[in-house]
PDB file of all heavy atoms in Angstrom:
ATOM      1  N   MET A   1    -111.235  50.522 -22.346  1.00  0.00           N
ATOM      2  CA  MET A   1    -110.529  49.304 -21.562  1.00  0.00           C
ATOM      3  C   MET A   1    -111.184  48.004 -22.018  1.00  0.00           C
ATOM      4  O   MET A   1    -112.390  47.851 -22.042  1.00  0.00           O
ATOM      5  CB  MET A   1    -110.679  49.560 -20.098  1.00  0.00           C
ATOM      6  CG  MET A   1    -110.024  48.478 -19.327  1.00  0.00           C
ATOM      7  SD  MET A   1    -110.514  48.539 -17.482  1.00  0.00           S
ATOM      8  CE  MET A   1    -109.662  50.123 -17.017  1.00  0.00           C
ATOM      9  N   ILE A   2    -110.277  47.120 -22.255  1.00  0.00           N
ATOM     10  CA  ILE A   2    -110.723  45.765 -22.443  1.00  0.00           C
ATOM     11  C   ILE A   2    -110.015  44.748 -21.449  1.00  0.00           C
ATOM     12  O   ILE A   2    -108.795  44.808 -21.404  1.00  0.00           O
ATOM     13  CB  ILE A   2    -110.520  45.221 -24.000  1.00  0.00           C
ATOM     14  CG1 ILE A   2    -111.136  46.151 -24.934  1.00  0.00           C
ATOM     15  CG2 ILE A   2    -110.865  43.765 -24.190  1.00  0.00           C
ATOM     16  CD1 ILE A   2    -110.830  45.826 -26.482  1.00  0.00           C
ATOM     17  N   ILE A   3    -110.889  44.026 -20.816  1.00  0.00           N
ATOM     18  CA  ILE A   3    -110.236  43.011 -19.758  1.00  0.00           C
ATOM     19  C   ILE A   3    -110.422  41.564 -20.328  1.00  0.00           C
ATOM     20  O   ILE A   3    -111.638  41.210 -20.614  1.00  0.00           O
ATOM     21  CB  ILE A   3    -110.993  43.146 -18.392  1.00  0.00           C
ATOM     22  CG1 ILE A   3    -110.862  44.668 -17.900  1.00  0.00           C
ATOM     23  CG2 ILE A   3    -110.389  42.222 -17.449  1.00  0.00           C
ATOM     24  CD1 ILE A   3    -111.624  44.929 -16.606  1.00  0.00           C
ATOM     25  N   ARG A   4    -109.429  40.911 -20.418  1.00  0.00           N
ATOM     26  CA  ARG A   4    -109.529  39.470 -20.991  1.00  0.00           C
ATOM     27  C   ARG A   4    -108.911  38.517 -20.134  1.00  0.00           C
ATOM     28  O   ARG A   4    -107.779  38.669 -19.576  1.00  0.00           O
ATOM     29  CB  ARG A   4    -108.770  39.557 -22.387  1.00  0.00           C
ATOM     30  CG  ARG A   4    -108.821  38.060 -23.105  1.00  0.00           C
ATOM     31  CD  ARG A   4    -108.401  38.333 -24.623  1.00  0.00           C
ATOM     32  NE  ARG A   4    -109.252  39.165 -25.268  1.00  0.00           N
ATOM     33  CZ  ARG A   4    -108.956  39.716 -26.537  1.00  0.00           C
ATOM     34  NH1 ARG A   4    -107.759  39.506 -27.022  1.00  0.00           N
ATOM     35  NH2 ARG A   4    -109.853  40.410 -27.052  1.00  0.00           N
ATOM     36  N   GLU A   5    -109.660  37.420 -19.909  1.00  0.00           N
ATOM     37  CA  GLU A   5    -109.231  36.355 -18.977  1.00  0.00           C
ATOM     38  C   GLU A   5    -108.521  35.247 -19.799  1.00  0.00           C
ATOM     39  O   GLU A   5    -109.185  34.704 -20.878  1.00  0.00           O
ATOM     40  CB  GLU A   5    -110.305  35.770 -18.233  1.00  0.00           C
ATOM     41  CG  GLU A   5    -109.896  34.644 -17.142  1.00  0.00           C
ATOM     42  CD  GLU A   5    -111.132  34.181 -16.313  1.00  0.00           C
ATOM     43  OE1 GLU A   5    -112.122  34.844 -16.318  1.00  0.00           O
ATOM     44  OE2 GLU A   5    -110.960  33.205 -15.735  1.00  0.00           O
ATOM     45  N   THR A   6    -107.235  34.904 -19.619  1.00  0.00           N
ATOM     46  CA  THR A   6    -106.588  33.933 -20.286  1.00  0.00           C
ATOM     47  C   THR A   6    -105.930  32.951 -19.287  1.00  0.00           C
ATOM     48  O   THR A   6    -105.151  33.403 -18.385  1.00  0.00           O
ATOM     49  CB  THR A   6    -105.431  34.407 -21.262  1.00  0.00           C
ATOM     50  OG1 THR A   6    -104.448  35.294 -20.398  1.00  0.00           O
ATOM     51  CG2 THR A   6    -105.943  35.312 -22.374  1.00  0.00           C
ATOM     52  N   ASP A   7    -106.322  31.602 -19.243  1.00  0.00           N
ATOM     53  CA  ASP A   7    -105.800  30.710 -18.272  1.00  0.00           C
ATOM     54  C   ASP A   7    -106.050  31.245 -16.915  1.00  0.00           C
ATOM     55  O   ASP A   7    -107.234  31.559 -16.459  1.00  0.00           O
ATOM     56  CB  ASP A   7    -104.312  30.437 -18.428  1.00  0.00           C
ATOM     57  CG  ASP A   7    -104.139  29.746 -19.827  1.00  0.00           C
ATOM     58  OD1 ASP A   7    -105.006  29.030 -20.267  1.00  0.00           O
ATOM     59  OD2 ASP A   7    -103.029  30.035 -20.414  1.00  0.00           O
ATOM     60  N   ASN A   8    -104.984  31.533 -16.043  1.00  0.00           N
ATOM     61  CA  ASN A   8    -105.169  31.918 -14.722  1.00  0.00           C
ATOM     62  C   ASN A   8    -104.861  33.445 -14.492  1.00  0.00           C
ATOM     63  O   ASN A   8    -104.504  33.757 -13.390  1.00  0.00           O
ATOM     64  CB  ASN A   8    -104.314  31.133 -13.685  1.00  0.00           C
ATOM     65  CG  ASN A   8    -104.772  29.683 -13.800  1.00  0.00           C
ATOM     66  OD1 ASN A   8    -106.037  29.411 -13.811  1.00  0.00           O
ATOM     67  ND2 ASN A   8    -103.874  28.784 -13.703  1.00  0.00           N
ATOM     68  N   GLU A   9    -104.915  34.245 -15.618  1.00  0.00           N
ATOM     69  CA  GLU A   9    -104.537  35.621 -15.432  1.00  0.00           C
ATOM     70  C   GLU A   9    -105.520  36.464 -16.142  1.00  0.00           C
ATOM     71  O   GLU A   9    -106.242  35.970 -17.125  1.00  0.00           O
ATOM     72  CB  GLU A   9    -103.178  35.959 -15.916  1.00  0.00           C
ATOM     73  CG  GLU A   9    -102.904  35.610 -17.336  1.00  0.00           C
ATOM     74  CD  GLU A   9    -101.483  35.923 -17.875  1.00  0.00           C
ATOM     75  OE1 GLU A   9    -100.662  36.017 -16.910  1.00  0.00           O
ATOM     76  OE2 GLU A   9    -101.218  35.771 -19.000  1.00  0.00           O
ATOM     77  N   LYS A  10    -105.630  37.787 -15.910  1.00  0.00           N
ATOM     78  CA  LYS A  10    -106.456  38.779 -16.666  1.00  0.00           C
ATOM     79  C   LYS A  10    -105.518  39.760 -17.318  1.00  0.00           C
ATOM     80  O   LYS A  10    -104.697  40.391 -16.530  1.00  0.00           O
ATOM     81  CB  LYS A  10    -107.363  39.481 -15.645  1.00  0.00           C
ATOM     82  CG  LYS A  10    -108.616  38.601 -15.114  1.00  0.00           C
ATOM     83  CD  LYS A  10    -109.580  39.242 -14.339  1.00  0.00           C
ATOM     84  CE  LYS A  10    -110.757  38.383 -13.782  1.00  0.00           C
ATOM     85  NZ  LYS A  10    -111.461  37.821 -14.912  1.00  0.00           N
ATOM     86  N   LYS A  11    -105.677  40.007 -18.543  1.00  0.00           N
ATOM     87  CA  LYS A  11    -105.004  40.955 -19.219  1.00  0.00           C
ATOM     88  C   LYS A  11    -105.820  42.200 -19.466  1.00  0.00           C
ATOM     89  O   LYS A  11    -107.062  42.173 -19.733  1.00  0.00           O
ATOM     90  CB  LYS A  11    -104.497  40.395 -20.610  1.00  0.00           C
ATOM     91  CG  LYS A  11    -103.552  39.317 -20.462  1.00  0.00           C
ATOM     92  CD  LYS A  11    -102.963  38.877 -21.728  1.00  0.00           C
ATOM     93  CE  LYS A  11    -101.939  37.662 -21.705  1.00  0.00           C
ATOM     94  NZ  LYS A  11    -101.542  37.189 -23.091  1.00  0.00           N
ATOM     95  N   ILE A  12    -105.259  43.418 -19.303  1.00  0.00           N
ATOM     96  CA  ILE A  12    -106.015  44.840 -19.553  1.00  0.00           C
ATOM     97  C   ILE A  12    -105.284  45.527 -20.629  1.00  0.00           C
ATOM     98  O   ILE A  12    -104.089  45.699 -20.732  1.00  0.00           O
ATOM     99  CB  ILE A  12    -106.068  45.497 -18.157  1.00  0.00           C
ATOM    100  CG1 ILE A  12    -106.774  44.725 -17.138  1.00  0.00           C
ATOM    101  CG2 ILE A  12    -106.787  46.831 -18.450  1.00  0.00           C
ATOM    102  CD1 ILE A  12    -106.711  45.304 -15.756  1.00  0.00           C
ATOM    103  N   LYS A  13    -106.154  45.922 -21.594  1.00  0.00           N
ATOM    104  CA  LYS A  13    -105.573  46.548 -22.794  1.00  0.00           C
ATOM    105  C   LYS A  13    -106.475  47.850 -22.987  1.00  0.00           C
ATOM    106  O   LYS A  13    -107.729  47.686 -23.028  1.00  0.00           O
ATOM    107  CB  LYS A  13    -105.581  45.662 -23.973  1.00  0.00           C
ATOM    108  CG  LYS A  13    -105.123  46.355 -25.341  1.00  0.00           C
ATOM    109  CD  LYS A  13    -103.694  46.600 -25.342  1.00  0.00           C
ATOM    110  CE  LYS A  13    -103.251  47.093 -26.699  1.00  0.00           C
ATOM    111  NZ  LYS A  13    -101.788  47.470 -26.732  1.00  0.00           N
ATOM    112  N   TYR A  14    -105.792  48.993 -23.410  1.00  0.00           N
ATOM    113  CA  TYR A  14    -106.552  50.155 -23.789  1.00  0.00           C
ATOM    114  C   TYR A  14    -106.494  50.242 -25.295  1.00  0.00           C
ATOM    115  O   TYR A  14    -105.335  50.213 -25.830  1.00  0.00           O
ATOM    116  CB  TYR A  14    -105.988  51.490 -23.035  1.00  0.00           C
ATOM    117  CG  TYR A  14    -106.282  51.405 -21.578  1.00  0.00           C
ATOM    118  CD1 TYR A  14    -105.275  50.904 -20.770  1.00  0.00           C
ATOM    119  CD2 TYR A  14    -107.463  51.921 -21.046  1.00  0.00           C
ATOM    120  CE1 TYR A  14    -105.607  51.008 -19.329  1.00  0.00           C
ATOM    121  CE2 TYR A  14    -107.761  51.970 -19.709  1.00  0.00           C
ATOM    122  CZ  TYR A  14    -106.753  51.460 -18.829  1.00  0.00           C
ATOM    123  OH  TYR A  14    -107.100  51.561 -17.579  1.00  0.00           O
ATOM    124  N   VAL A  15    -107.608  50.429 -25.960  1.00  0.00           N
ATOM    125  CA  VAL A  15    -107.579  50.681 -27.302  1.00  0.00           C
ATOM    126  C   VAL A  15    -108.195  51.986 -27.741  1.00  0.00           C
ATOM    127  O   VAL A  15    -108.926  52.628 -27.020  1.00  0.00           O
ATOM    128  CB  VAL A  15    -108.431  49.580 -28.084  1.00  0.00           C
ATOM    129  CG1 VAL A  15    -107.865  48.212 -27.829  1.00  0.00           C
ATOM    130  CG2 VAL A  15    -109.849  49.633 -27.673  1.00  0.00           C
ATOM    131  N   ASN A  16    -107.601  52.600 -28.810  1.00  0.00           N
ATOM    132  CA  ASN A  16    -108.022  53.976 -29.285  1.00  0.00           C
ATOM    133  C   ASN A  16    -108.903  53.874 -30.489  1.00  0.00           C
ATOM    134  O   ASN A  16    -108.416  53.549 -31.587  1.00  0.00           O
ATOM    135  CB  ASN A  16    -106.725  54.704 -29.481  1.00  0.00           C
ATOM    136  CG  ASN A  16    -107.103  56.230 -29.807  1.00  0.00           C
ATOM    137  OD1 ASN A  16    -108.189  56.615 -29.886  1.00  0.00           O
ATOM    138  ND2 ASN A  16    -105.918  56.938 -30.146  1.00  0.00           N
ATOM    139  N   LEU A  17    -110.174  54.187 -30.299  1.00  0.00           N
ATOM    140  CA  LEU A  17    -111.108  54.158 -31.464  1.00  0.00           C
ATOM    141  C   LEU A  17    -111.079  55.473 -32.347  1.00  0.00           C
ATOM    142  O   LEU A  17    -111.691  55.508 -33.342  1.00  0.00           O
ATOM    143  CB  LEU A  17    -112.493  53.942 -30.969  1.00  0.00           C
ATOM    144  CG  LEU A  17    -112.732  52.715 -30.228  1.00  0.00           C
ATOM    145  CD1 LEU A  17    -114.181  52.434 -29.874  1.00  0.00           C
ATOM    146  CD2 LEU A  17    -112.211  51.409 -30.923  1.00  0.00           C
ATOM    147  N   GLU A  18    -110.260  56.408 -31.987  1.00  0.00           N
ATOM    148  CA  GLU A  18    -110.072  57.630 -32.775  1.00  0.00           C
ATOM    149  C   GLU A  18    -108.898  57.366 -33.744  1.00  0.00           C
ATOM    150  O   GLU A  18    -108.696  58.166 -34.769  1.00  0.00           O
ATOM    151  CB  GLU A  18    -109.774  58.876 -31.891  1.00  0.00           C
ATOM    152  CG  GLU A  18    -111.053  59.296 -31.009  1.00  0.00           C
ATOM    153  CD  GLU A  18    -110.600  60.520 -30.229  1.00  0.00           C
ATOM    154  OE1 GLU A  18    -109.530  61.036 -30.285  1.00  0.00           O
ATOM    155  OE2 GLU A  18    -111.586  60.966 -29.499  1.00  0.00           O
ATOM    156  N   ASP A  19    -108.082  56.258 -33.541  1.00  0.00           N
ATOM    157  CA  ASP A  19    -107.002  56.095 -34.435  1.00  0.00           C
ATOM    158  C   ASP A  19    -107.327  54.751 -35.171  1.00  0.00           C
ATOM    159  O   ASP A  19    -107.741  53.803 -34.718  1.00  0.00           O
ATOM    160  CB  ASP A  19    -105.759  55.835 -33.562  1.00  0.00           C
ATOM    161  CG  ASP A  19    -104.477  55.809 -34.372  1.00  0.00           C
ATOM    162  OD1 ASP A  19    -104.464  55.281 -35.517  1.00  0.00           O
ATOM    163  OD2 ASP A  19    -103.388  56.266 -33.819  1.00  0.00           O
ATOM    164  N   HIS A  20    -107.192  54.888 -36.539  1.00  0.00           N
ATOM    165  CA  HIS A  20    -107.448  53.706 -37.469  1.00  0.00           C
ATOM    166  C   HIS A  20    -106.503  52.543 -37.251  1.00  0.00           C
ATOM    167  O   HIS A  20    -106.835  51.448 -37.856  1.00  0.00           O
ATOM    168  CB  HIS A  20    -107.525  54.248 -38.769  1.00  0.00           C
ATOM    169  CG  HIS A  20    -106.172  54.495 -39.473  1.00  0.00           C
ATOM    170  ND1 HIS A  20    -105.558  55.751 -39.196  1.00  0.00           N
ATOM    171  CD2 HIS A  20    -105.276  53.840 -40.186  1.00  0.00           C
ATOM    172  CE1 HIS A  20    -104.401  55.823 -39.909  1.00  0.00           C
ATOM    173  NE2 HIS A  20    -104.251  54.628 -40.452  1.00  0.00           N
ATOM    174  N   SER A  21    -105.522  52.729 -36.452  1.00  0.00           N
ATOM    175  CA  SER A  21    -104.559  51.536 -36.119  1.00  0.00           C
ATOM    176  C   SER A  21    -105.380  50.469 -35.374  1.00  0.00           C
ATOM    177  O   SER A  21    -104.741  49.316 -35.339  1.00  0.00           O
ATOM    178  CB  SER A  21    -103.336  52.016 -35.366  1.00  0.00           C
ATOM    179  OG  SER A  21    -103.708  52.604 -34.174  1.00  0.00           O
ATOM    180  N   ILE A  22    -106.587  50.768 -34.872  1.00  0.00           N
ATOM    181  CA  ILE A  22    -107.295  49.826 -34.122  1.00  0.00           C
ATOM    182  C   ILE A  22    -107.563  48.569 -35.103  1.00  0.00           C
ATOM    183  O   ILE A  22    -107.637  47.444 -34.629  1.00  0.00           O
ATOM    184  CB  ILE A  22    -108.569  50.398 -33.641  1.00  0.00           C
ATOM    185  CG1 ILE A  22    -109.525  49.272 -32.852  1.00  0.00           C
ATOM    186  CG2 ILE A  22    -109.431  51.008 -34.782  1.00  0.00           C
ATOM    187  CD1 ILE A  22    -108.739  48.857 -31.587  1.00  0.00           C
ATOM    188  N   PHE A  23    -107.730  48.886 -36.344  1.00  0.00           N
ATOM    189  CA  PHE A  23    -107.930  47.719 -37.247  1.00  0.00           C
ATOM    190  C   PHE A  23    -106.756  46.678 -37.305  1.00  0.00           C
ATOM    191  O   PHE A  23    -106.993  45.601 -37.731  1.00  0.00           O
ATOM    192  CB  PHE A  23    -108.191  48.174 -38.567  1.00  0.00           C
ATOM    193  CG  PHE A  23    -109.474  49.036 -38.668  1.00  0.00           C
ATOM    194  CD1 PHE A  23    -109.514  50.327 -39.031  1.00  0.00           C
ATOM    195  CD2 PHE A  23    -110.773  48.358 -38.494  1.00  0.00           C
ATOM    196  CE1 PHE A  23    -110.814  51.072 -39.168  1.00  0.00           C
ATOM    197  CE2 PHE A  23    -111.926  49.066 -38.499  1.00  0.00           C
ATOM    198  CZ  PHE A  23    -111.967  50.472 -38.872  1.00  0.00           C
ATOM    199  N   ASN A  24    -105.610  47.106 -36.935  1.00  0.00           N
ATOM    200  CA  ASN A  24    -104.459  46.229 -36.916  1.00  0.00           C
ATOM    201  C   ASN A  24    -104.221  45.668 -35.588  1.00  0.00           C
ATOM    202  O   ASN A  24    -103.126  44.872 -35.419  1.00  0.00           O
ATOM    203  CB  ASN A  24    -103.180  47.042 -37.414  1.00  0.00           C
ATOM    204  CG  ASN A  24    -103.312  47.624 -38.749  1.00  0.00           C
ATOM    205  OD1 ASN A  24    -103.485  48.914 -38.812  1.00  0.00           O
ATOM    206  ND2 ASN A  24    -103.375  46.839 -39.761  1.00  0.00           N
ATOM    207  N   SER A  25    -104.996  45.960 -34.622  1.00  0.00           N
ATOM    208  CA  SER A  25    -104.872  45.485 -33.250  1.00  0.00           C
ATOM    209  C   SER A  25    -105.487  44.033 -33.047  1.00  0.00           C
ATOM    210  O   SER A  25    -106.516  43.836 -33.581  1.00  0.00           O
ATOM    211  CB  SER A  25    -105.424  46.450 -32.217  1.00  0.00           C
ATOM    212  OG  SER A  25    -105.474  45.899 -30.882  1.00  0.00           O
ATOM    213  N   PRO A  26    -104.673  43.148 -32.384  1.00  0.00           N
ATOM    214  CA  PRO A  26    -105.174  41.919 -32.056  1.00  0.00           C
ATOM    215  C   PRO A  26    -106.423  41.819 -31.106  1.00  0.00           C
ATOM    216  O   PRO A  26    -107.102  40.973 -30.855  1.00  0.00           O
ATOM    217  CB  PRO A  26    -104.035  41.069 -31.499  1.00  0.00           C
ATOM    218  CG  PRO A  26    -103.169  42.136 -30.940  1.00  0.00           C
ATOM    219  CD  PRO A  26    -103.266  43.349 -31.860  1.00  0.00           C
ATOM    220  N   TRP A  27    -106.497  43.139 -30.536  1.00  0.00           N
ATOM    221  CA  TRP A  27    -107.747  43.398 -29.690  1.00  0.00           C
ATOM    222  C   TRP A  27    -108.936  43.965 -30.253  1.00  0.00           C
ATOM    223  O   TRP A  27    -110.001  44.305 -29.622  1.00  0.00           O
ATOM    224  CB  TRP A  27    -107.269  44.223 -28.422  1.00  0.00           C
ATOM    225  CG  TRP A  27    -106.240  43.654 -27.546  1.00  0.00           C
ATOM    226  CD1 TRP A  27    -105.005  43.478 -27.827  1.00  0.00           C
ATOM    227  CD2 TRP A  27    -106.512  43.058 -26.252  1.00  0.00           C
ATOM    228  NE1 TRP A  27    -104.213  42.876 -26.787  1.00  0.00           N
ATOM    229  CE2 TRP A  27    -105.251  42.685 -25.807  1.00  0.00           C
ATOM    230  CE3 TRP A  27    -107.689  43.079 -25.497  1.00  0.00           C
ATOM    231  CZ2 TRP A  27    -105.061  42.067 -24.549  1.00  0.00           C
ATOM    232  CZ3 TRP A  27    -107.351  42.453 -24.234  1.00  0.00           C
ATOM    233  CH2 TRP A  27    -106.189  41.991 -23.768  1.00  0.00           C
ATOM    234  N   TYR A  28    -108.891  44.112 -31.636  1.00  0.00           N
ATOM    235  CA  TYR A  28    -110.008  44.625 -32.381  1.00  0.00           C
ATOM    236  C   TYR A  28    -111.149  43.736 -32.232  1.00  0.00           C
ATOM    237  O   TYR A  28    -112.386  44.084 -32.051  1.00  0.00           O
ATOM    238  CB  TYR A  28    -109.575  44.867 -33.879  1.00  0.00           C
ATOM    239  CG  TYR A  28    -110.808  45.236 -34.692  1.00  0.00           C
ATOM    240  CD1 TYR A  28    -111.414  46.546 -34.562  1.00  0.00           C
ATOM    241  CD2 TYR A  28    -111.415  44.428 -35.604  1.00  0.00           C
ATOM    242  CE1 TYR A  28    -112.450  46.873 -35.290  1.00  0.00           C
ATOM    243  CE2 TYR A  28    -112.432  44.846 -36.431  1.00  0.00           C
ATOM    244  CZ  TYR A  28    -113.086  46.072 -36.236  1.00  0.00           C
ATOM    245  OH  TYR A  28    -114.032  46.420 -36.934  1.00  0.00           O
ATOM    246  N   TYR A  29    -110.898  42.323 -32.404  1.00  0.00           N
ATOM    247  CA  TYR A  29    -111.910  41.307 -32.164  1.00  0.00           C
ATOM    248  C   TYR A  29    -111.941  40.875 -30.700  1.00  0.00           C
ATOM    249  O   TYR A  29    -111.048  40.592 -30.292  1.00  0.00           O
ATOM    250  CB  TYR A  29    -111.763  40.217 -33.051  1.00  0.00           C
ATOM    251  CG  TYR A  29    -112.192  40.480 -34.513  1.00  0.00           C
ATOM    252  CD1 TYR A  29    -111.252  40.693 -35.563  1.00  0.00           C
ATOM    253  CD2 TYR A  29    -113.526  40.362 -34.832  1.00  0.00           C
ATOM    254  CE1 TYR A  29    -111.624  41.018 -36.785  1.00  0.00           C
ATOM    255  CE2 TYR A  29    -113.997  40.671 -36.067  1.00  0.00           C
ATOM    256  CZ  TYR A  29    -112.946  40.928 -37.075  1.00  0.00           C
ATOM    257  OH  TYR A  29    -113.449  41.215 -38.396  1.00  0.00           O
ATOM    258  N   LEU A  30    -113.066  40.973 -30.084  1.00  0.00           N
ATOM    259  CA  LEU A  30    -113.355  40.587 -28.690  1.00  0.00           C
ATOM    260  C   LEU A  30    -113.413  38.953 -28.703  1.00  0.00           C
ATOM    261  O   LEU A  30    -113.796  38.376 -29.724  1.00  0.00           O
ATOM    262  CB  LEU A  30    -114.533  41.217 -28.173  1.00  0.00           C
ATOM    263  CG  LEU A  30    -114.656  42.759 -28.109  1.00  0.00           C
ATOM    264  CD1 LEU A  30    -115.953  43.173 -27.735  1.00  0.00           C
ATOM    265  CD2 LEU A  30    -113.482  43.231 -27.207  1.00  0.00           C
ATOM    266  N   GLN A  31    -113.108  38.490 -27.569  1.00  0.00           N
ATOM    267  CA  GLN A  31    -113.155  37.026 -27.337  1.00  0.00           C
ATOM    268  C   GLN A  31    -114.141  36.826 -26.259  1.00  0.00           C
ATOM    269  O   GLN A  31    -114.530  37.620 -25.567  1.00  0.00           O
ATOM    270  CB  GLN A  31    -111.759  36.528 -27.090  1.00  0.00           C
ATOM    271  CG  GLN A  31    -110.726  36.625 -28.155  1.00  0.00           C
ATOM    272  CD  GLN A  31    -109.384  36.005 -27.926  1.00  0.00           C
ATOM    273  OE1 GLN A  31    -109.231  35.280 -26.912  1.00  0.00           O
ATOM    274  NE2 GLN A  31    -108.327  36.321 -28.641  1.00  0.00           N
ATOM    275  N   PRO A  32    -114.607  35.504 -26.276  1.00  0.00           N
ATOM    276  CA  PRO A  32    -115.453  35.197 -25.242  1.00  0.00           C
ATOM    277  C   PRO A  32    -115.113  35.423 -23.798  1.00  0.00           C
ATOM    278  O   PRO A  32    -114.088  35.323 -23.435  1.00  0.00           O
ATOM    279  CB  PRO A  32    -115.716  33.615 -25.303  1.00  0.00           C
ATOM    280  CG  PRO A  32    -115.279  33.318 -26.725  1.00  0.00           C
ATOM    281  CD  PRO A  32    -114.301  34.335 -27.039  1.00  0.00           C
ATOM    282  N   ASN A  33    -116.053  36.149 -23.130  1.00  0.00           N
ATOM    283  CA  ASN A  33    -116.020  36.577 -21.660  1.00  0.00           C
ATOM    284  C   ASN A  33    -115.171  37.789 -21.581  1.00  0.00           C
ATOM    285  O   ASN A  33    -114.751  38.188 -20.374  1.00  0.00           O
ATOM    286  CB  ASN A  33    -115.464  35.389 -20.829  1.00  0.00           C
ATOM    287  CG  ASN A  33    -116.278  34.134 -20.909  1.00  0.00           C
ATOM    288  OD1 ASN A  33    -117.539  34.155 -20.903  1.00  0.00           O
ATOM    289  ND2 ASN A  33    -115.713  33.052 -21.084  1.00  0.00           N
ATOM    290  N   ASP A  34    -114.834  38.510 -22.561  1.00  0.00           N
ATOM    291  CA  ASP A  34    -114.105  39.856 -22.526  1.00  0.00           C
ATOM    292  C   ASP A  34    -115.110  40.841 -21.874  1.00  0.00           C
ATOM    293  O   ASP A  34    -116.248  40.759 -21.906  1.00  0.00           O
ATOM    294  CB  ASP A  34    -113.806  40.405 -23.908  1.00  0.00           C
ATOM    295  CG  ASP A  34    -112.443  39.736 -24.385  1.00  0.00           C
ATOM    296  OD1 ASP A  34    -111.866  38.970 -23.635  1.00  0.00           O
ATOM    297  OD2 ASP A  34    -112.102  40.146 -25.450  1.00  0.00           O
ATOM    298  N   ILE A  35    -114.494  41.757 -21.056  1.00  0.00           N
ATOM    299  CA  ILE A  35    -115.265  42.869 -20.414  1.00  0.00           C
ATOM    300  C   ILE A  35    -114.674  44.100 -21.156  1.00  0.00           C
ATOM    301  O   ILE A  35    -113.521  44.470 -21.134  1.00  0.00           O
ATOM    302  CB  ILE A  35    -115.001  42.956 -18.967  1.00  0.00           C
ATOM    303  CG1 ILE A  35    -115.492  41.635 -18.207  1.00  0.00           C
ATOM    304  CG2 ILE A  35    -115.646  44.096 -18.245  1.00  0.00           C
ATOM    305  CD1 ILE A  35    -115.049  41.511 -16.785  1.00  0.00           C
ATOM    306  N   VAL A  36    -115.612  44.981 -21.682  1.00  0.00           N
ATOM    307  CA  VAL A  36    -115.283  46.219 -22.291  1.00  0.00           C
ATOM    308  C   VAL A  36    -115.855  47.311 -21.408  1.00  0.00           C
ATOM    309  O   VAL A  36    -117.002  47.372 -21.102  1.00  0.00           O
ATOM    310  CB  VAL A  36    -115.995  46.261 -23.699  1.00  0.00           C
ATOM    311  CG1 VAL A  36    -115.653  47.701 -24.348  1.00  0.00           C
ATOM    312  CG2 VAL A  36    -115.468  45.152 -24.568  1.00  0.00           C
ATOM    313  N   TYR A  37    -114.972  48.177 -20.957  1.00  0.00           N
ATOM    314  CA  TYR A  37    -115.345  49.298 -20.013  1.00  0.00           C
ATOM    315  C   TYR A  37    -114.952  50.547 -20.726  1.00  0.00           C
ATOM    316  O   TYR A  37    -113.809  50.928 -21.045  1.00  0.00           O
ATOM    317  CB  TYR A  37    -114.656  49.220 -18.676  1.00  0.00           C
ATOM    318  CG  TYR A  37    -114.902  50.293 -17.710  1.00  0.00           C
ATOM    319  CD1 TYR A  37    -116.182  50.427 -17.271  1.00  0.00           C
ATOM    320  CD2 TYR A  37    -113.901  51.151 -17.196  1.00  0.00           C
ATOM    321  CE1 TYR A  37    -116.592  51.429 -16.440  1.00  0.00           C
ATOM    322  CE2 TYR A  37    -114.359  52.100 -16.345  1.00  0.00           C
ATOM    323  CZ  TYR A  37    -115.590  52.248 -15.921  1.00  0.00           C
ATOM    324  OH  TYR A  37    -115.907  53.256 -15.044  1.00  0.00           O
ATOM    325  N   VAL A  38    -116.078  51.440 -21.030  1.00  0.00           N
ATOM    326  CA  VAL A  38    -115.806  52.681 -21.690  1.00  0.00           C
ATOM    327  C   VAL A  38    -115.665  53.767 -20.554  1.00  0.00           C
ATOM    328  O   VAL A  38    -116.687  53.996 -19.796  1.00  0.00           O
ATOM    329  CB  VAL A  38    -117.022  52.910 -22.592  1.00  0.00           C
ATOM    330  CG1 VAL A  38    -116.823  54.337 -23.278  1.00  0.00           C
ATOM    331  CG2 VAL A  38    -117.203  51.866 -23.539  1.00  0.00           C
ATOM    332  N   LEU A  39    -114.527  54.362 -20.598  1.00  0.00           N
ATOM    333  CA  LEU A  39    -114.183  55.297 -19.448  1.00  0.00           C
ATOM    334  C   LEU A  39    -114.852  56.612 -19.703  1.00  0.00           C
ATOM    335  O   LEU A  39    -115.261  57.038 -20.968  1.00  0.00           O
ATOM    336  CB  LEU A  39    -112.762  55.633 -19.418  1.00  0.00           C
ATOM    337  CG  LEU A  39    -111.878  54.348 -19.170  1.00  0.00           C
ATOM    338  CD1 LEU A  39    -110.346  54.679 -19.176  1.00  0.00           C
ATOM    339  CD2 LEU A  39    -112.181  53.802 -17.720  1.00  0.00           C
ATOM    340  N   SER A  40    -115.105  57.395 -18.689  1.00  0.00           N
ATOM    341  CA  SER A  40    -115.829  58.724 -18.681  1.00  0.00           C
ATOM    342  C   SER A  40    -114.661  59.849 -18.845  1.00  0.00           C
ATOM    343  O   SER A  40    -113.612  59.756 -18.212  1.00  0.00           O
ATOM    344  CB  SER A  40    -116.552  58.940 -17.503  1.00  0.00           C
ATOM    345  OG  SER A  40    -117.108  60.287 -17.427  1.00  0.00           O
TER     346      SER A  40
END
């Protein structure tokens, strides 16, 4: 899980690190103040 704050809203995105399509994702690079939560 990646939580990103943009203006007055928070966007939440789930990325799959088992799939190489992560390299094509705009969420591959984190931005300032992102929160990364690794689920159990």
